[in-house]
């Protein structure tokens, strides 16, 4: 729905964050009914099943977290994938890759699980998101593949 992607007015954000009552935290899954990918280009994963989105800084339609205030934030992602195609995810801050997962294909490899985590200093407006390179896939079903983050200070 469009309401998922709507943004609150800047004035409302300022009031919200200067009261000190709002914290920023989100947690979401990607649920697409099964294997997602591989695609012929890199894709930003839109984790569409949102459990928590305090502060409304994560947009499920784009998969992008936008820092509402300058501060220190923690992010983590995990994935599961079948062994038929390679699996690899990368977490970006703006256009810079920060951390990634790894996958080593072997003959007897039938499944892959991976993830990573990082603490980042963000400026207001910085964007954090997870991308999947071309020719890779993840299992986007049964609550397996997630992206979460929260403000520490």
Protein backbone atom coordinates (compact mmCIF):
# COMPACT_ATOMS: atom_id res chain seq x y z
CA UNK A 1 0.00 0.00 0.00
CA UNK A 2 1.06 3.59 -0.52
CA UNK A 3 0.77 4.39 3.19
CA UNK A 4 3.77 2.14 3.84
CA UNK A 5 5.92 4.46 1.73
CA UNK A 6 4.51 7.78 2.84
CA UNK A 7 6.76 10.09 4.81
CA UNK A 8 5.76 12.18 7.76
CA UNK A 9 6.22 15.91 7.47
CA UNK A 10 9.61 17.34 8.46
CA UNK A 11 7.94 19.51 11.11
CA UNK A 12 6.39 16.43 12.73
CA UNK A 13 9.77 14.66 12.73
CA UNK A 14 11.44 17.62 14.45
CA UNK A 15 8.82 17.68 17.19
CA UNK A 16 9.01 13.90 17.56
CA UNK A 17 12.77 13.71 18.02
CA UNK A 18 13.30 16.84 20.12
CA UNK A 19 10.94 15.52 22.79
CA UNK A 20 13.37 12.62 23.25
CA UNK A 21 10.48 10.17 23.52
CA UNK A 22 10.93 8.42 20.19
CA UNK A 23 13.52 5.72 19.68
CA UNK A 24 14.41 4.28 16.29
CA UNK A 25 14.18 0.52 15.72
CA UNK A 26 13.00 -1.78 12.94
CA UNK A 27 12.93 -5.47 12.13
CA UNK A 28 11.61 -6.99 8.91
CA UNK A 29 11.58 -10.19 6.86
CA UNK A 30 11.55 -10.68 3.11
CA UNK A 31 8.58 -12.89 2.25
CA UNK A 32 8.12 -13.65 -1.46
CA UNK A 33 6.83 -17.23 -1.21
CA UNK A 34 10.11 -19.08 -1.78
CA UNK A 35 13.38 -18.65 -3.66
CA UNK A 36 13.99 -15.00 -4.57
CA UNK A 37 16.43 -14.59 -7.42
CA UNK A 38 18.74 -15.05 -9.10
CA UNK A 39 18.35 -11.84 -11.13
CA UNK A 40 20.55 -10.47 -13.92
CA UNK A 41 21.35 -7.31 -11.95
CA UNK A 42 22.10 -6.33 -8.34
CA UNK A 43 18.91 -5.71 -6.34
CA UNK A 44 18.15 -3.92 -3.08
CA UNK A 45 16.10 -6.31 -0.96
CA UNK A 46 12.76 -4.88 0.12
CA UNK A 47 12.10 -6.71 3.40
CA UNK A 48 8.32 -6.49 3.14
CA UNK A 49 7.02 -8.17 6.32
CA UNK A 50 7.67 -5.58 9.03
CA UNK A 51 7.52 -6.59 12.70
CA UNK A 52 8.73 -3.33 14.21
CA UNK A 53 9.24 0.14 12.74
CA UNK A 54 9.52 2.59 15.63
CA UNK A 55 10.28 6.03 14.25
CA UNK A 56 9.12 5.04 10.74
CA UNK A 57 12.67 5.21 9.37
CA UNK A 58 12.50 1.91 7.44
CA UNK A 59 10.50 1.77 4.18
CA UNK A 60 9.34 -1.73 3.34
CA UNK A 61 8.58 -0.87 -0.30
CA UNK A 62 12.21 0.13 -0.99
CA UNK A 63 14.14 -1.78 1.71
CA UNK A 64 15.90 1.43 2.71
CA UNK A 65 16.48 2.67 6.25
CA UNK A 66 17.00 6.45 6.41
CA UNK A 67 18.53 7.81 9.62
CA UNK A 68 16.00 10.29 11.07
CA UNK A 69 18.61 11.75 13.41
CA UNK A 70 22.41 11.74 13.64
CA UNK A 71 23.62 9.00 15.95
CA UNK A 72 25.11 5.55 16.40
CA UNK A 73 23.09 2.65 14.99
CA UNK A 74 23.35 -1.15 14.98
CA UNK A 75 22.32 -3.21 11.93
CA UNK A 76 22.16 -6.92 11.27
CA UNK A 77 20.97 -9.18 8.46
CA UNK A 78 20.60 -12.94 8.15
CA UNK A 79 19.65 -15.14 5.23
CA UNK A 80 18.93 -18.73 4.31
CA UNK A 81 19.20 -20.10 0.78
CA UNK A 82 19.17 -23.39 -1.06
CA UNK A 83 22.45 -24.59 -2.56
CA UNK A 84 21.50 -24.49 -6.26
CA UNK A 85 22.62 -20.88 -6.79
CA UNK A 86 25.19 -18.75 -4.98
CA UNK A 87 24.06 -16.68 -2.00
CA UNK A 88 25.64 -13.44 -0.87
CA UNK A 89 24.30 -10.25 0.67
CA UNK A 90 25.97 -6.88 1.18
CA UNK A 91 24.99 -4.10 3.58
CA UNK A 92 25.50 -0.57 2.27
CA UNK A 93 25.70 2.85 3.89
CA UNK A 94 24.71 5.29 1.15
CA UNK A 95 26.65 3.83 -1.83
CA UNK A 96 29.51 2.30 0.21
CA UNK A 97 29.58 -1.43 0.97
CA UNK A 98 30.19 -1.85 4.71
CA UNK A 99 29.86 -5.59 5.49
CA UNK A 100 28.90 -8.69 3.54
CA UNK A 101 28.13 -12.35 3.94
CA UNK A 102 29.99 -15.12 2.15
CA UNK A 103 29.06 -18.27 0.30
CA UNK A 104 31.38 -21.05 -0.78
CA UNK A 105 29.84 -23.42 -3.30
CA UNK A 106 30.77 -27.07 -2.81
CA UNK A 107 29.53 -30.21 -4.47
CA UNK A 108 27.67 -31.47 -1.40
CA UNK A 109 26.43 -28.04 -0.32
CA UNK A 110 22.63 -28.10 -0.15
CA UNK A 111 21.90 -24.98 1.89
CA UNK A 112 23.50 -21.73 2.93
CA UNK A 113 23.00 -19.54 5.96
CA UNK A 114 24.82 -16.32 6.60
CA UNK A 115 24.71 -12.80 7.86
CA UNK A 116 26.67 -10.00 9.39
CA UNK A 117 26.30 -7.06 11.77
CA UNK A 118 27.81 -3.61 12.18
CA UNK A 119 27.67 -0.50 14.37
CA UNK A 120 27.63 2.68 12.25
CA UNK A 121 27.86 6.40 12.96
CA UNK A 122 25.16 7.94 10.76
CA UNK A 123 24.29 11.50 9.88
CA UNK A 124 20.65 12.48 9.52
CA UNK A 125 19.54 11.34 6.06
CA UNK A 126 22.16 8.59 5.63
CA UNK A 127 20.68 5.46 4.06
CA UNK A 128 21.37 1.83 4.99
CA UNK A 129 20.13 -1.12 2.94
CA UNK A 130 20.93 -4.70 1.95
CA UNK A 131 21.74 -5.63 -1.65
CA UNK A 132 21.95 -8.98 -3.36
CA UNK A 133 24.39 -9.19 -6.29
CA UNK A 134 23.35 -10.42 -9.73
CA UNK A 135 23.15 -14.22 -10.10
CA UNK A 136 22.53 -14.81 -6.38
CA UNK A 137 19.40 -15.74 -4.45
CA UNK A 138 17.91 -16.03 -0.97
CA UNK A 139 15.06 -18.04 0.52
CA UNK A 140 12.28 -15.47 0.98
CA UNK A 141 9.76 -17.58 2.87
CA UNK A 142 9.07 -19.20 6.24
CA UNK A 143 10.62 -16.37 8.29
CA UNK A 144 14.22 -17.07 7.22
CA UNK A 145 15.73 -13.87 5.79
CA UNK A 146 15.73 -10.71 7.92
CA UNK A 147 17.09 -7.18 8.27
CA UNK A 148 17.03 -5.26 11.56
CA UNK A 149 18.48 -2.13 13.07
CA UNK A 150 18.18 0.29 15.95
CA UNK A 151 19.63 3.50 17.29
CA UNK A 152 22.11 3.06 20.16
CA UNK A 153 22.72 6.75 20.91
